[in-house]
């Protein structure tokens, strides 16, 4: 199966939008791991908590990377993250232990 996103070692690269003053938003790429998944019921995601690493150089050299937790609701969950939730057994390194 082809992976629809890029993996950077053990991190998921996903697109993200940073709000700007004009209300348009700037599209950037973020890197992180899946921390927690909250469900409404069987197969219906309520929200997902991601640990996002803001400094990749520190992450790869020291293991820290200035992590920050972010939550995504069902309506703004990046498709890349949802793909890996469904592939947890194949990619266990992409989840925080």
N, C-alpha and C. Protein backbone atom coordinates (compact mmCIF):
# COMPACT_ATOMS: atom_id res chain seq x y z
N UNK A 1 0.83 -1.17 0.00
CA UNK A 1 0.00 0.00 0.00
C UNK A 1 0.88 1.24 0.00
N UNK A 2 0.57 2.19 -0.84
CA UNK A 2 1.33 3.44 -0.88
C UNK A 2 0.89 4.35 0.27
N UNK A 3 1.85 5.00 0.86
CA UNK A 3 1.58 5.94 1.95
C UNK A 3 1.31 7.30 1.33
N UNK A 4 0.16 7.92 1.64
CA UNK A 4 -0.20 9.19 0.98
C UNK A 4 0.51 10.42 1.51
N UNK A 5 1.35 10.26 2.52
CA UNK A 5 2.06 11.39 3.10
C UNK A 5 3.51 11.02 3.29
N UNK A 6 4.29 12.01 3.60
CA UNK A 6 5.72 11.77 3.81
C UNK A 6 5.97 11.50 5.29
N UNK A 7 6.79 10.51 5.55
CA UNK A 7 7.25 10.24 6.90
C UNK A 7 8.68 10.76 7.01
N UNK A 8 8.97 11.42 8.11
CA UNK A 8 10.33 11.90 8.38
C UNK A 8 10.80 11.11 9.60
N UNK A 9 11.57 10.07 9.31
CA UNK A 9 11.96 9.08 10.31
C UNK A 9 10.72 8.55 11.01
N UNK A 10 10.52 8.89 12.28
CA UNK A 10 9.35 8.37 13.00
C UNK A 10 8.32 9.46 13.28
N UNK A 11 8.24 10.46 12.40
CA UNK A 11 7.28 11.55 12.54
C UNK A 11 6.39 11.62 11.30
N UNK A 12 5.15 12.04 11.50
CA UNK A 12 4.22 12.25 10.40
C UNK A 12 4.34 13.70 9.94
N UNK A 13 4.51 13.90 8.65
CA UNK A 13 4.46 15.26 8.10
C UNK A 13 3.02 15.51 7.67
N UNK A 14 2.40 16.54 8.22
CA UNK A 14 1.04 16.85 7.84
C UNK A 14 0.88 18.34 7.59
N UNK A 15 -0.08 18.68 6.74
CA UNK A 15 -0.31 20.09 6.45
C UNK A 15 -1.13 20.71 7.57
N UNK A 16 -0.86 21.96 7.83
CA UNK A 16 -1.48 22.67 8.92
C UNK A 16 -1.73 24.10 8.45
N UNK A 17 -2.68 24.77 9.03
CA UNK A 17 -2.96 26.16 8.67
C UNK A 17 -2.79 27.03 9.90
N UNK A 18 -1.97 28.06 9.77
CA UNK A 18 -1.75 29.02 10.85
C UNK A 18 -2.59 30.25 10.53
N UNK A 19 -3.48 30.66 11.44
CA UNK A 19 -4.30 31.85 11.16
C UNK A 19 -3.44 33.10 11.01
N UNK A 20 -3.85 33.98 10.13
CA UNK A 20 -3.16 35.26 9.98
C UNK A 20 -4.15 36.40 10.21
N UNK A 21 -3.67 37.62 10.14
CA UNK A 21 -4.51 38.78 10.43
C UNK A 21 -5.64 38.98 9.42
N UNK A 22 -5.46 38.52 8.20
CA UNK A 22 -6.49 38.66 7.17
C UNK A 22 -7.56 37.57 7.26
N UNK A 23 -7.35 36.59 8.13
CA UNK A 23 -8.31 35.51 8.28
C UNK A 23 -8.21 34.43 7.22
N UNK A 24 -7.17 34.50 6.40
CA UNK A 24 -6.99 33.52 5.33
C UNK A 24 -6.26 32.29 5.85
N UNK A 25 -5.15 32.50 6.51
CA UNK A 25 -4.36 31.40 7.04
C UNK A 25 -3.20 31.07 6.13
N UNK A 26 -2.12 30.66 6.71
CA UNK A 26 -0.91 30.29 6.00
C UNK A 26 -0.73 28.78 6.12
N UNK A 27 -0.62 28.10 4.99
CA UNK A 27 -0.45 26.65 5.01
C UNK A 27 1.01 26.31 5.23
N UNK A 28 1.28 25.50 6.23
CA UNK A 28 2.64 25.07 6.57
C UNK A 28 2.63 23.56 6.79
N UNK A 29 3.81 23.00 6.94
CA UNK A 29 3.91 21.59 7.27
C UNK A 29 4.34 21.45 8.71
N UNK A 30 3.72 20.51 9.40
CA UNK A 30 4.04 20.24 10.80
C UNK A 30 4.49 18.79 10.92
N UNK A 31 5.17 18.50 12.01
CA UNK A 31 5.71 17.15 12.22
C UNK A 31 5.35 16.71 13.62
N UNK A 32 4.81 15.51 13.74
CA UNK A 32 4.43 15.06 15.07
C UNK A 32 4.08 13.60 15.13
N UNK A 33 3.60 13.22 16.32
CA UNK A 33 3.15 11.86 16.60
C UNK A 33 1.77 11.92 17.22
N UNK A 34 1.04 10.85 17.10
CA UNK A 34 -0.30 10.76 17.66
C UNK A 34 -0.19 10.37 19.14
N UNK A 35 -0.79 11.17 20.02
CA UNK A 35 -0.71 10.90 21.46
C UNK A 35 -1.96 10.19 21.98
N UNK A 36 -3.13 10.76 21.76
CA UNK A 36 -4.38 10.17 22.24
C UNK A 36 -5.46 10.30 21.18
N UNK A 37 -6.34 9.31 21.15
CA UNK A 37 -7.49 9.33 20.26
C UNK A 37 -8.73 9.20 21.13
N UNK A 38 -9.65 10.11 20.95
CA UNK A 38 -10.91 10.08 21.70
C UNK A 38 -12.03 9.75 20.73
N UNK A 39 -12.91 8.84 21.12
CA UNK A 39 -13.93 8.31 20.21
C UNK A 39 -15.33 8.69 20.68
N UNK A 40 -16.23 8.96 19.73
CA UNK A 40 -17.66 9.11 20.03
C UNK A 40 -18.27 7.74 20.22
N UNK A 41 -17.87 6.84 19.40
CA UNK A 41 -18.39 5.47 19.40
C UNK A 41 -17.48 4.65 18.51
N UNK A 42 -17.90 3.46 18.19
CA UNK A 42 -17.08 2.59 17.37
C UNK A 42 -16.83 3.20 15.99
N UNK A 43 -15.56 3.49 15.70
CA UNK A 43 -15.16 3.99 14.40
C UNK A 43 -15.42 5.47 14.15
N UNK A 44 -15.92 6.21 15.14
CA UNK A 44 -16.20 7.63 14.95
C UNK A 44 -15.28 8.44 15.86
N UNK A 45 -14.35 9.15 15.26
CA UNK A 45 -13.37 9.93 16.02
C UNK A 45 -14.00 11.21 16.55
N UNK A 46 -13.80 11.47 17.83
CA UNK A 46 -14.25 12.72 18.44
C UNK A 46 -13.15 13.78 18.31
N UNK A 47 -11.95 13.43 18.78
CA UNK A 47 -10.80 14.33 18.66
C UNK A 47 -9.52 13.53 18.78
N UNK A 48 -8.42 14.15 18.36
CA UNK A 48 -7.11 13.51 18.40
C UNK A 48 -6.12 14.51 18.98
N UNK A 49 -5.31 14.02 19.93
CA UNK A 49 -4.25 14.86 20.50
C UNK A 49 -2.94 14.47 19.83
N UNK A 50 -2.24 15.48 19.31
CA UNK A 50 -0.98 15.29 18.60
C UNK A 50 0.13 15.94 19.41
N UNK A 51 1.29 15.29 19.47
CA UNK A 51 2.48 15.95 19.99
C UNK A 51 3.23 16.44 18.77
N UNK A 52 3.31 17.76 18.67
CA UNK A 52 3.93 18.39 17.52
C UNK A 52 5.31 18.90 17.93
N UNK A 53 6.32 18.61 17.10
CA UNK A 53 7.69 19.01 17.40
C UNK A 53 8.04 20.24 16.58
N UNK A 54 8.39 21.33 17.27
CA UNK A 54 8.65 22.60 16.59
C UNK A 54 10.10 22.75 16.16
N UNK A 55 11.02 21.97 16.71
CA UNK A 55 12.42 22.08 16.36
C UNK A 55 12.91 20.68 15.97
N UNK A 56 12.90 20.38 14.68
CA UNK A 56 13.27 19.04 14.21
C UNK A 56 14.74 18.72 14.43
N UNK A 57 15.59 19.70 14.33
CA UNK A 57 17.02 19.46 14.54
C UNK A 57 17.26 18.95 15.96
N UNK A 58 16.66 19.59 16.96
CA UNK A 58 16.80 19.12 18.34
C UNK A 58 16.14 17.76 18.54
N UNK A 59 15.02 17.53 17.87
CA UNK A 59 14.35 16.24 18.00
C UNK A 59 15.26 15.10 17.54
N UNK A 60 15.89 15.27 16.38
CA UNK A 60 16.72 14.20 15.85
C UNK A 60 18.07 14.09 16.57
N UNK A 61 18.60 15.19 17.09
CA UNK A 61 19.89 15.15 17.78
C UNK A 61 19.78 14.78 19.25
N UNK A 62 18.78 15.36 19.94
CA UNK A 62 18.68 15.18 21.38
C UNK A 62 17.42 14.44 21.82
N UNK A 63 16.45 14.31 20.94
CA UNK A 63 15.21 13.66 21.29
C UNK A 63 14.16 14.58 21.90
N UNK A 64 14.48 15.88 22.02
CA UNK A 64 13.50 16.79 22.64
C UNK A 64 12.62 17.45 21.59
N UNK A 65 13.13 18.40 20.85
CA UNK A 65 12.41 19.01 19.74
C UNK A 65 11.35 20.03 20.12
N UNK A 66 11.34 20.51 21.35
CA UNK A 66 10.38 21.52 21.79
C UNK A 66 8.94 21.07 21.50
N UNK A 67 8.48 19.98 22.14
CA UNK A 67 7.15 19.45 21.83
C UNK A 67 6.03 20.32 22.39
N UNK A 68 4.92 20.31 21.69
CA UNK A 68 3.71 20.99 22.14
C UNK A 68 2.53 20.09 21.77
N UNK A 69 1.57 19.98 22.69
CA UNK A 69 0.37 19.17 22.41
C UNK A 69 -0.68 20.03 21.74
N UNK A 70 -1.32 19.46 20.74
CA UNK A 70 -2.43 20.13 20.05
C UNK A 70 -3.56 19.15 19.89
N UNK A 71 -4.76 19.66 19.96
CA UNK A 71 -5.94 18.82 19.74
C UNK A 71 -6.61 19.21 18.44
N UNK A 72 -7.03 18.20 17.71
CA UNK A 72 -7.78 18.39 16.48
C UNK A 72 -9.14 17.73 16.67
N UNK A 73 -10.20 18.45 16.37
CA UNK A 73 -11.53 17.86 16.39
C UNK A 73 -11.81 17.12 15.10
N UNK A 74 -12.94 16.48 15.06
CA UNK A 74 -13.31 15.71 13.87
C UNK A 74 -13.34 16.57 12.61
N UNK A 75 -13.76 17.84 12.73
CA UNK A 75 -13.92 18.67 11.54
C UNK A 75 -12.61 19.24 11.01
N UNK A 76 -11.57 19.35 11.86
CA UNK A 76 -10.31 19.92 11.37
C UNK A 76 -9.14 18.94 11.46
N UNK A 77 -9.43 17.65 11.55
CA UNK A 77 -8.41 16.62 11.63
C UNK A 77 -7.75 16.44 10.27
N UNK A 78 -6.42 16.63 10.18
CA UNK A 78 -5.75 16.41 8.90
C UNK A 78 -5.92 14.97 8.41
N UNK A 79 -6.15 14.81 7.14
CA UNK A 79 -6.36 13.48 6.55
C UNK A 79 -5.16 12.58 6.79
N UNK A 80 -3.96 13.16 6.84
CA UNK A 80 -2.75 12.36 7.06
C UNK A 80 -2.80 11.67 8.42
N UNK A 81 -3.30 12.37 9.42
CA UNK A 81 -3.38 11.81 10.77
C UNK A 81 -4.42 10.69 10.81
N UNK A 82 -5.56 10.92 10.19
CA UNK A 82 -6.62 9.91 10.17
C UNK A 82 -6.14 8.64 9.47
N UNK A 83 -5.36 8.79 8.41
CA UNK A 83 -4.82 7.62 7.71
C UNK A 83 -4.01 6.75 8.66
N UNK A 84 -3.12 7.37 9.46
CA UNK A 84 -2.25 6.58 10.33
C UNK A 84 -2.97 6.02 11.55
N UNK A 85 -4.06 6.64 11.96
CA UNK A 85 -4.87 6.05 13.04
C UNK A 85 -5.38 4.69 12.58
N UNK A 86 -5.78 4.60 11.33
CA UNK A 86 -6.28 3.34 10.79
C UNK A 86 -5.17 2.33 10.49
N UNK A 87 -3.91 2.75 10.55
CA UNK A 87 -2.77 1.88 10.25
C UNK A 87 -1.85 1.70 11.47
N UNK A 88 -2.40 1.79 12.67
CA UNK A 88 -1.60 1.78 13.90
C UNK A 88 -0.70 0.54 14.02
N UNK A 89 -1.20 -0.60 13.63
CA UNK A 89 -0.42 -1.84 13.75
C UNK A 89 0.80 -1.82 12.83
N UNK A 90 0.69 -1.19 11.68
CA UNK A 90 1.80 -1.15 10.72
C UNK A 90 2.84 -0.08 11.05
N UNK A 91 2.43 0.97 11.78
CA UNK A 91 3.31 2.10 12.07
C UNK A 91 3.29 2.46 13.56
N UNK A 92 3.67 1.56 14.44
CA UNK A 92 3.59 1.85 15.89
C UNK A 92 4.51 2.98 16.34
N UNK A 93 5.59 3.26 15.62
CA UNK A 93 6.52 4.32 16.01
C UNK A 93 5.92 5.72 15.87
N UNK A 94 4.79 5.83 15.17
CA UNK A 94 4.16 7.14 14.96
C UNK A 94 3.22 7.53 16.10
N UNK A 95 3.15 6.68 17.13
CA UNK A 95 2.29 6.92 18.27
C UNK A 95 3.16 7.10 19.53
N UNK A 96 2.79 8.08 20.36
CA UNK A 96 3.51 8.30 21.61
C UNK A 96 3.20 7.15 22.55
N UNK A 97 4.23 6.61 23.17
CA UNK A 97 4.04 5.48 24.08
C UNK A 97 3.88 5.93 25.49
